[in-house]
Amino acid sequence: MNTKSASSVKVIVASVVIIAAVLYLAISGARDSKATSYYCTIGELQGMGKKAYSRNLRVAGNVKPGSIHRMGTHASFVLLELGKELPVNYDGAEPPPDTFKDDAQALAMGHLGRDGTFQANQLQAKCASKYAPAKPGDKPAGSPVTGTTATLVVPAK
């Protein structure tokens, strides 16, 4: 084998390895994209048409007061956002979080059912009042364990 044909073989082998790696990445990326979820508002979801039925989605809003119905790890409720409502059925492996209450901000992950109800398999929530900034003149909240407050002292320079 001469040096010209040996270097040609090396170039061909390297090209095949690069092409195989690119194909592998493209195929695995396409497969993983099916598992990713698209964030949208309730208004955007309602305007998506038939595309909404085939996508994994994340939708956020505030929990409508009085709409929560719990049963074990299942919960049904209504999300509100800018005057629009979205009924949600949550059926996850774990019960809804403790912060999942009326007026809480919630993020539901799942897909839209043909009946217009969002079918969630994951749910995150935070209580809006718990994280609201303190009003001017309010006393600082005490420690939940001791009932005391802490003061930060910064030495003068």
N, C-alpha and C. Protein backbone atom coordinates (compact mmCIF):
# COMPACT_ATOMS: atom_id res chain seq x y z
N MET A 1 0.85 -1.17 0.00
CA MET A 1 0.00 0.00 0.00
C MET A 1 0.90 1.23 0.00
N ASN A 2 0.62 2.13 -0.88
CA ASN A 2 1.45 3.33 -0.92
C ASN A 2 0.90 4.40 0.01
N THR A 3 1.65 5.48 0.20
CA THR A 3 1.27 6.51 1.15
C THR A 3 0.03 7.28 0.72
N LYS A 4 -0.16 7.41 -0.61
CA LYS A 4 -1.36 8.11 -1.10
C LYS A 4 -2.62 7.35 -0.75
N SER A 5 -2.63 6.06 -0.97
CA SER A 5 -3.83 5.27 -0.68
C SER A 5 -4.04 5.14 0.83
N ALA A 6 -2.98 5.11 1.63
CA ALA A 6 -3.11 5.04 3.08
C ALA A 6 -3.74 6.32 3.63
N SER A 7 -3.32 7.46 3.11
CA SER A 7 -3.90 8.72 3.59
C SER A 7 -5.35 8.85 3.10
N SER A 8 -5.68 8.32 1.94
CA SER A 8 -7.07 8.35 1.45
C SER A 8 -7.97 7.52 2.36
N VAL A 9 -7.47 6.37 2.78
CA VAL A 9 -8.24 5.51 3.66
C VAL A 9 -8.48 6.23 4.99
N LYS A 10 -7.47 6.91 5.52
CA LYS A 10 -7.62 7.65 6.78
C LYS A 10 -8.67 8.75 6.65
N VAL A 11 -8.67 9.45 5.52
CA VAL A 11 -9.65 10.52 5.30
C VAL A 11 -11.06 9.93 5.22
N ILE A 12 -11.21 8.81 4.53
CA ILE A 12 -12.52 8.17 4.40
C ILE A 12 -13.01 7.69 5.76
N VAL A 13 -12.15 7.06 6.53
CA VAL A 13 -12.53 6.56 7.86
C VAL A 13 -12.92 7.73 8.76
N ALA A 14 -12.14 8.80 8.75
CA ALA A 14 -12.45 9.97 9.57
C ALA A 14 -13.78 10.58 9.14
N SER A 15 -14.05 10.64 7.84
CA SER A 15 -15.32 11.19 7.35
C SER A 15 -16.50 10.35 7.80
N VAL A 16 -16.35 9.03 7.74
CA VAL A 16 -17.42 8.13 8.16
C VAL A 16 -17.70 8.30 9.65
N VAL A 17 -16.65 8.44 10.47
CA VAL A 17 -16.82 8.62 11.91
C VAL A 17 -17.54 9.94 12.19
N ILE A 18 -17.16 11.01 11.51
CA ILE A 18 -17.80 12.32 11.71
C ILE A 18 -19.26 12.28 11.28
N ILE A 19 -19.55 11.68 10.15
CA ILE A 19 -20.94 11.57 9.67
C ILE A 19 -21.77 10.75 10.64
N ALA A 20 -21.22 9.66 11.15
CA ALA A 20 -21.94 8.82 12.11
C ALA A 20 -22.23 9.60 13.40
N ALA A 21 -21.26 10.37 13.87
CA ALA A 21 -21.47 11.15 15.09
C ALA A 21 -22.55 12.21 14.88
N VAL A 22 -22.54 12.88 13.74
CA VAL A 22 -23.55 13.90 13.45
C VAL A 22 -24.94 13.27 13.36
N LEU A 23 -25.05 12.13 12.71
CA LEU A 23 -26.35 11.43 12.62
C LEU A 23 -26.84 11.01 13.99
N TYR A 24 -25.95 10.49 14.83
CA TYR A 24 -26.34 10.09 16.18
C TYR A 24 -26.88 11.28 16.97
N LEU A 25 -26.17 12.40 16.91
CA LEU A 25 -26.62 13.59 17.64
C LEU A 25 -27.95 14.10 17.12
N ALA A 26 -28.15 14.06 15.81
CA ALA A 26 -29.41 14.52 15.23
C ALA A 26 -30.57 13.63 15.66
N ILE A 27 -30.37 12.33 15.63
CA ILE A 27 -31.44 11.39 16.00
C ILE A 27 -31.75 11.49 17.49
N SER A 28 -30.72 11.53 18.34
CA SER A 28 -30.98 11.62 19.78
C SER A 28 -31.58 12.97 20.14
N GLY A 29 -31.22 14.04 19.46
CA GLY A 29 -31.81 15.35 19.70
C GLY A 29 -33.28 15.39 19.32
N ALA A 30 -33.63 14.76 18.22
CA ALA A 30 -35.03 14.72 17.80
C ALA A 30 -35.87 13.92 18.78
N ARG A 31 -35.31 12.84 19.29
CA ARG A 31 -36.03 12.01 20.26
C ARG A 31 -36.23 12.78 21.57
N ASP A 32 -35.20 13.50 22.03
CA ASP A 32 -35.29 14.26 23.27
C ASP A 32 -36.23 15.45 23.14
N SER A 33 -36.39 16.00 21.96
CA SER A 33 -37.26 17.17 21.79
C SER A 33 -38.72 16.81 22.02
N LYS A 34 -39.07 15.55 21.86
CA LYS A 34 -40.44 15.13 22.14
C LYS A 34 -40.73 15.22 23.63
N ALA A 35 -39.70 15.10 24.47
CA ALA A 35 -39.88 15.14 25.91
C ALA A 35 -39.85 16.57 26.45
N THR A 36 -39.37 17.52 25.66
CA THR A 36 -39.33 18.89 26.14
C THR A 36 -40.72 19.50 26.11
N SER A 37 -40.90 20.51 26.93
CA SER A 37 -42.20 21.13 26.98
C SER A 37 -42.10 22.60 26.58
N TYR A 38 -43.15 23.09 26.00
CA TYR A 38 -43.23 24.44 25.48
C TYR A 38 -44.03 25.28 26.46
N TYR A 39 -43.46 26.40 26.93
CA TYR A 39 -44.17 27.28 27.86
C TYR A 39 -45.09 28.20 27.08
N CYS A 40 -46.32 28.33 27.54
CA CYS A 40 -47.25 29.26 26.91
C CYS A 40 -48.23 29.80 27.95
N THR A 41 -48.81 30.93 27.63
CA THR A 41 -49.84 31.50 28.49
C THR A 41 -51.17 30.81 28.18
N ILE A 42 -52.16 31.04 29.02
CA ILE A 42 -53.48 30.44 28.77
C ILE A 42 -54.05 30.97 27.46
N GLY A 43 -53.88 32.26 27.21
CA GLY A 43 -54.36 32.84 25.95
C GLY A 43 -53.68 32.23 24.74
N GLU A 44 -52.35 32.04 24.81
CA GLU A 44 -51.63 31.41 23.70
C GLU A 44 -52.09 29.98 23.49
N LEU A 45 -52.28 29.26 24.59
CA LEU A 45 -52.74 27.87 24.50
C LEU A 45 -54.10 27.79 23.80
N GLN A 46 -55.00 28.67 24.19
CA GLN A 46 -56.33 28.65 23.60
C GLN A 46 -56.31 29.07 22.14
N GLY A 47 -55.28 29.78 21.70
CA GLY A 47 -55.17 30.19 20.30
C GLY A 47 -54.33 29.27 19.44
N MET A 48 -53.80 28.19 19.99
CA MET A 48 -52.92 27.29 19.25
C MET A 48 -53.67 26.36 18.29
N GLY A 49 -54.93 26.17 18.52
CA GLY A 49 -55.68 25.26 17.67
C GLY A 49 -55.28 23.81 17.91
N LYS A 50 -55.25 23.02 16.85
CA LYS A 50 -54.97 21.58 16.96
C LYS A 50 -53.54 21.28 17.39
N LYS A 51 -52.61 22.23 17.20
CA LYS A 51 -51.22 22.01 17.62
C LYS A 51 -51.13 21.77 19.13
N ALA A 52 -52.04 22.34 19.89
CA ALA A 52 -52.00 22.23 21.35
C ALA A 52 -52.20 20.79 21.82
N TYR A 53 -52.87 19.97 21.04
CA TYR A 53 -53.15 18.59 21.45
C TYR A 53 -51.93 17.68 21.35
N SER A 54 -50.96 18.04 20.53
CA SER A 54 -49.83 17.15 20.30
C SER A 54 -48.54 17.61 20.97
N ARG A 55 -48.58 18.66 21.76
CA ARG A 55 -47.36 19.18 22.39
C ARG A 55 -47.38 19.00 23.90
N ASN A 56 -46.19 18.78 24.44
CA ASN A 56 -46.01 18.85 25.89
C ASN A 56 -45.92 20.31 26.24
N LEU A 57 -46.74 20.77 27.16
CA LEU A 57 -46.84 22.19 27.46
C LEU A 57 -46.66 22.47 28.94
N ARG A 58 -46.26 23.71 29.23
CA ARG A 58 -46.22 24.24 30.60
C ARG A 58 -47.07 25.50 30.59
N VAL A 59 -48.04 25.56 31.48
CA VAL A 59 -48.97 26.68 31.53
C VAL A 59 -49.00 27.20 32.97
N ALA A 60 -48.90 28.52 33.12
CA ALA A 60 -48.91 29.13 34.45
C ALA A 60 -50.12 30.03 34.63
N GLY A 61 -50.51 30.20 35.87
CA GLY A 61 -51.61 31.10 36.20
C GLY A 61 -51.85 31.07 37.70
N ASN A 62 -52.87 31.76 38.13
CA ASN A 62 -53.26 31.74 39.54
C ASN A 62 -54.41 30.77 39.72
N VAL A 63 -54.41 30.06 40.84
CA VAL A 63 -55.46 29.09 41.12
C VAL A 63 -56.73 29.85 41.49
N LYS A 64 -57.82 29.57 40.78
CA LYS A 64 -59.10 30.22 41.04
C LYS A 64 -59.61 29.80 42.42
N PRO A 65 -59.94 30.79 43.27
CA PRO A 65 -60.45 30.45 44.61
C PRO A 65 -61.71 29.58 44.55
N GLY A 66 -61.71 28.54 45.37
CA GLY A 66 -62.85 27.63 45.45
C GLY A 66 -62.89 26.56 44.37
N SER A 67 -61.90 26.52 43.49
CA SER A 67 -61.96 25.55 42.39
C SER A 67 -61.18 24.27 42.66
N ILE A 68 -60.44 24.21 43.75
CA ILE A 68 -59.60 23.03 44.02
C ILE A 68 -60.44 21.88 44.58
N HIS A 69 -60.31 20.72 43.94
CA HIS A 69 -60.94 19.48 44.42
C HIS A 69 -59.85 18.42 44.45
N ARG A 70 -59.49 17.95 45.65
CA ARG A 70 -58.40 16.98 45.83
C ARG A 70 -58.94 15.59 46.11
N MET A 71 -58.17 14.59 45.65
CA MET A 71 -58.46 13.20 45.97
C MET A 71 -57.15 12.43 45.84
N GLY A 72 -56.46 12.23 46.95
CA GLY A 72 -55.16 11.54 46.93
C GLY A 72 -54.13 12.35 46.16
N THR A 73 -53.52 11.72 45.16
CA THR A 73 -52.53 12.42 44.36
C THR A 73 -53.18 13.17 43.20
N HIS A 74 -54.50 13.11 43.11
CA HIS A 74 -55.23 13.77 42.03
C HIS A 74 -55.82 15.09 42.53
N ALA A 75 -55.86 16.07 41.66
CA ALA A 75 -56.52 17.35 41.97
C ALA A 75 -57.07 17.93 40.68
N SER A 76 -58.22 18.54 40.78
CA SER A 76 -58.74 19.31 39.65
C SER A 76 -58.95 20.73 40.14
N PHE A 77 -58.70 21.69 39.26
CA PHE A 77 -58.78 23.10 39.63
C PHE A 77 -58.84 23.94 38.36
N VAL A 78 -58.94 25.23 38.52
CA VAL A 78 -58.99 26.15 37.38
C VAL A 78 -57.87 27.16 37.53
N LEU A 79 -57.10 27.36 36.44
CA LEU A 79 -56.08 28.39 36.41
C LEU A 79 -56.66 29.65 35.78
N LEU A 80 -56.28 30.80 36.32
CA LEU A 80 -56.71 32.10 35.80
C LEU A 80 -55.49 32.88 35.34
N GLU A 81 -55.66 33.59 34.21
CA GLU A 81 -54.60 34.48 33.74
C GLU A 81 -55.22 35.53 32.84
N LEU A 82 -55.13 36.78 33.23
CA LEU A 82 -55.64 37.91 32.45
C LEU A 82 -57.09 37.69 31.99
N GLY A 83 -57.93 37.23 32.91
CA GLY A 83 -59.34 37.06 32.61
C GLY A 83 -59.67 35.77 31.88
N LYS A 84 -58.69 34.96 31.54
CA LYS A 84 -58.94 33.69 30.85
C LYS A 84 -58.82 32.55 31.85
N GLU A 85 -59.64 31.51 31.66
CA GLU A 85 -59.65 30.36 32.56
C GLU A 85 -59.25 29.10 31.82
N LEU A 86 -58.60 28.19 32.55
CA LEU A 86 -58.22 26.90 32.00
C LEU A 86 -58.47 25.83 33.05
N PRO A 87 -59.43 24.91 32.81
CA PRO A 87 -59.63 23.80 33.75
C PRO A 87 -58.44 22.83 33.66
N VAL A 88 -57.99 22.35 34.82
CA VAL A 88 -56.82 21.47 34.88
C VAL A 88 -57.16 20.24 35.70
N ASN A 89 -56.75 19.08 35.21
CA ASN A 89 -56.79 17.83 35.97
C ASN A 89 -55.35 17.42 36.20
N TYR A 90 -54.95 17.35 37.46
CA TYR A 90 -53.60 16.92 37.81
C TYR A 90 -53.66 15.50 38.32
N ASP A 91 -52.87 14.62 37.71
CA ASP A 91 -52.77 13.24 38.15
C ASP A 91 -51.30 12.86 38.13
N GLY A 92 -50.62 13.16 39.23
CA GLY A 92 -49.19 12.90 39.31
C GLY A 92 -48.87 11.79 40.27
N ALA A 93 -47.57 11.51 40.38
CA ALA A 93 -47.12 10.47 41.28
C ALA A 93 -47.17 10.94 42.74
N GLU A 94 -47.11 12.25 42.95
CA GLU A 94 -47.14 12.81 44.29
C GLU A 94 -48.33 13.74 44.43
N PRO A 95 -48.81 13.94 45.65
CA PRO A 95 -49.92 14.89 45.83
C PRO A 95 -49.45 16.31 45.52
N PRO A 96 -50.39 17.23 45.28
CA PRO A 96 -49.99 18.61 45.03
C PRO A 96 -49.18 19.16 46.21
N PRO A 97 -48.28 20.10 45.94
CA PRO A 97 -47.44 20.65 47.02
C PRO A 97 -48.27 21.39 48.07
N ASP A 98 -47.69 21.58 49.25
CA ASP A 98 -48.37 22.27 50.35
C ASP A 98 -48.74 23.71 49.98
N THR A 99 -47.97 24.32 49.11
CA THR A 99 -48.22 25.71 48.72
C THR A 99 -49.33 25.83 47.68
N PHE A 100 -49.91 24.72 47.27
CA PHE A 100 -50.98 24.73 46.28
C PHE A 100 -52.30 25.06 46.97
N LYS A 101 -52.70 26.32 46.89
CA LYS A 101 -53.90 26.81 47.57
C LYS A 101 -54.61 27.82 46.68
N ASP A 102 -55.76 28.29 47.12
CA ASP A 102 -56.47 29.34 46.40
C ASP A 102 -55.56 30.55 46.20
N ASP A 103 -55.61 31.14 45.03
CA ASP A 103 -54.83 32.32 44.64
C ASP A 103 -53.34 32.08 44.52
N ALA A 104 -52.86 30.85 44.71
CA ALA A 104 -51.44 30.57 44.56
C ALA A 104 -51.06 30.61 43.09
N GLN A 105 -49.83 30.96 42.81
CA GLN A 105 -49.33 30.87 41.45
C GLN A 105 -48.96 29.42 41.20
N ALA A 106 -49.40 28.88 40.08
CA ALA A 106 -49.15 27.46 39.79
C ALA A 106 -48.64 27.30 38.36
N LEU A 107 -47.82 26.29 38.18
CA LEU A 107 -47.29 25.92 36.87
C LEU A 107 -47.66 24.46 36.64
N ALA A 108 -48.49 24.22 35.63
CA ALA A 108 -48.92 22.85 35.30
C ALA A 108 -48.18 22.39 34.05
N MET A 109 -47.68 21.16 34.07
CA MET A 109 -46.96 20.59 32.93
C MET A 109 -47.70 19.35 32.46
N GLY A 110 -47.98 19.29 31.17
CA GLY A 110 -48.71 18.16 30.60
C GLY A 110 -49.15 18.47 29.18
N HIS A 111 -50.41 18.11 28.87
CA HIS A 111 -50.93 18.35 27.52
C HIS A 111 -52.42 18.72 27.59
N LEU A 112 -52.88 19.35 26.54
CA LEU A 112 -54.28 19.74 26.47
C LEU A 112 -55.11 18.58 25.93
N GLY A 113 -56.18 18.24 26.65
CA GLY A 113 -57.09 17.20 26.20
C GLY A 113 -58.07 17.74 25.17
N ARG A 114 -58.65 16.88 24.39
CA ARG A 114 -59.60 17.28 23.34
C ARG A 114 -60.85 17.95 23.91
N ASP A 115 -61.13 17.72 25.20
CA ASP A 115 -62.29 18.34 25.84
C ASP A 115 -61.99 19.75 26.36
N GLY A 116 -60.74 20.23 26.14
CA GLY A 116 -60.36 21.57 26.59
C GLY A 116 -59.81 21.62 27.99
N THR A 117 -59.71 20.47 28.66
CA THR A 117 -59.15 20.40 30.00
C THR A 117 -57.67 20.05 29.89
N PHE A 118 -56.84 20.78 30.61
CA PHE A 118 -55.40 20.53 30.60
C PHE A 118 -55.11 19.34 31.49
N GLN A 119 -54.44 18.33 30.97
CA GLN A 119 -54.09 17.12 31.71
C GLN A 119 -52.65 17.24 32.19
N ALA A 120 -52.47 17.54 33.48
CA ALA A 120 -51.14 17.79 34.04
C ALA A 120 -50.60 16.55 34.74
N ASN A 121 -49.32 16.28 34.53
CA ASN A 121 -48.66 15.19 35.24
C ASN A 121 -47.61 15.72 36.21
N GLN A 122 -47.35 17.03 36.17
CA GLN A 122 -46.47 17.69 37.13
C GLN A 122 -47.11 19.02 37.52
N LEU A 123 -46.86 19.43 38.76
CA LEU A 123 -47.48 20.65 39.26
C LEU A 123 -46.52 21.33 40.23
N GLN A 124 -46.30 22.62 40.02
CA GLN A 124 -45.50 23.41 40.94
C GLN A 124 -46.36 24.58 41.39
N ALA A 125 -46.20 25.00 42.63
CA ALA A 125 -47.00 26.11 43.14
C ALA A 125 -46.22 26.88 44.17
N LYS A 126 -46.55 28.16 44.26
CA LYS A 126 -46.02 28.97 45.35
C LYS A 126 -47.13 29.88 45.83
N CYS A 127 -47.18 30.10 47.11
CA CYS A 127 -48.20 30.93 47.70
C CYS A 127 -47.81 32.38 47.51
N ALA A 128 -48.63 33.13 46.81
CA ALA A 128 -48.29 34.52 46.50
C ALA A 128 -48.10 35.35 47.75
N SER A 129 -48.94 35.16 48.77
CA SER A 129 -48.83 35.98 49.97
C SER A 129 -47.56 35.66 50.75
N LYS A 130 -47.08 34.44 50.67
CA LYS A 130 -45.89 34.05 51.42
C LYS A 130 -44.65 34.76 50.89
N TYR A 131 -44.61 35.04 49.59
CA TYR A 131 -43.44 35.64 48.98
C TYR A 131 -43.64 37.12 48.66
N ALA A 132 -44.76 37.69 49.07
CA ALA A 132 -45.02 39.09 48.78
C ALA A 132 -44.09 39.97 49.60
N PRO A 133 -43.67 41.10 49.03
CA PRO A 133 -42.80 42.00 49.79
C PRO A 133 -43.55 42.59 50.98
N ALA A 134 -42.81 42.89 52.03
CA ALA A 134 -43.42 43.46 53.23
C ALA A 134 -43.94 44.86 52.93
N LYS A 135 -45.05 45.19 53.56
CA LYS A 135 -45.63 46.52 53.39
C LYS A 135 -44.89 47.49 54.31
N PRO A 136 -44.76 48.75 53.89
CA PRO A 136 -44.08 49.72 54.75
C PRO A 136 -44.76 49.79 56.12
N GLY A 137 -43.95 49.77 57.17
CA GLY A 137 -44.48 49.85 58.53
C GLY A 137 -44.74 48.50 59.17
N ASP A 138 -44.74 47.40 58.37
CA ASP A 138 -44.95 46.07 58.94
C ASP A 138 -43.72 45.65 59.74
N LYS A 139 -43.96 44.92 60.84
CA LYS A 139 -42.85 44.37 61.62
C LYS A 139 -42.28 43.19 60.86
N PRO A 140 -40.96 42.94 60.98
CA PRO A 140 -40.39 41.77 60.31
C PRO A 140 -40.96 40.49 60.90
N ALA A 141 -41.10 39.50 60.06
CA ALA A 141 -41.62 38.21 60.51
C ALA A 141 -40.62 37.55 61.43
N GLY A 142 -41.12 36.88 62.43
CA GLY A 142 -40.24 36.19 63.37
C GLY A 142 -39.80 34.85 62.83
N SER A 143 -38.83 34.28 63.50
CA SER A 143 -38.36 32.95 63.14
C SER A 143 -39.47 31.95 63.41
N PRO A 144 -39.76 31.04 62.49
CA PRO A 144 -40.84 30.09 62.72
C PRO A 144 -40.52 29.14 63.88
N VAL A 145 -39.25 28.96 64.22
CA VAL A 145 -38.88 28.04 65.28
C VAL A 145 -38.91 28.74 66.64
N THR A 146 -38.31 29.93 66.75
CA THR A 146 -38.15 30.57 68.05
C THR A 146 -39.06 31.76 68.25
N GLY A 147 -39.61 32.31 67.17
CA GLY A 147 -40.44 33.49 67.27
C GLY A 147 -39.63 34.77 67.43
N THR A 148 -38.31 34.68 67.29
CA THR A 148 -37.45 35.85 67.42
C THR A 148 -37.11 36.41 66.06
N THR A 149 -36.64 37.64 66.06
CA THR A 149 -36.20 38.25 64.81
C THR A 149 -34.70 38.44 64.87
N ALA A 150 -34.07 38.49 63.71
CA ALA A 150 -32.62 38.69 63.64
C ALA A 150 -32.35 40.06 63.06
N THR A 151 -31.29 40.69 63.55
CA THR A 151 -30.88 41.99 63.03
C THR A 151 -29.46 41.86 62.51
N LEU A 152 -29.23 42.35 61.31
CA LEU A 152 -27.91 42.30 60.71
C LEU A 152 -27.17 43.56 61.10
N VAL A 153 -26.01 43.38 61.70
CA VAL A 153 -25.18 44.52 62.11
C VAL A 153 -23.99 44.58 61.17
N VAL A 154 -23.83 45.75 60.51
CA VAL A 154 -22.72 45.94 59.60
C VAL A 154 -21.77 46.92 60.25
N PRO A 155 -20.51 46.52 60.49
CA PRO A 155 -19.58 47.43 61.14
C PRO A 155 -19.29 48.64 60.26
N ALA A 156 -19.11 49.81 60.92
CA ALA A 156 -18.78 51.04 60.19
C ALA A 156 -17.34 50.99 59.75
N LYS A 157 -17.07 51.61 58.64
CA LYS A 157 -15.69 51.62 58.11
C LYS A 157 -14.97 52.85 58.55
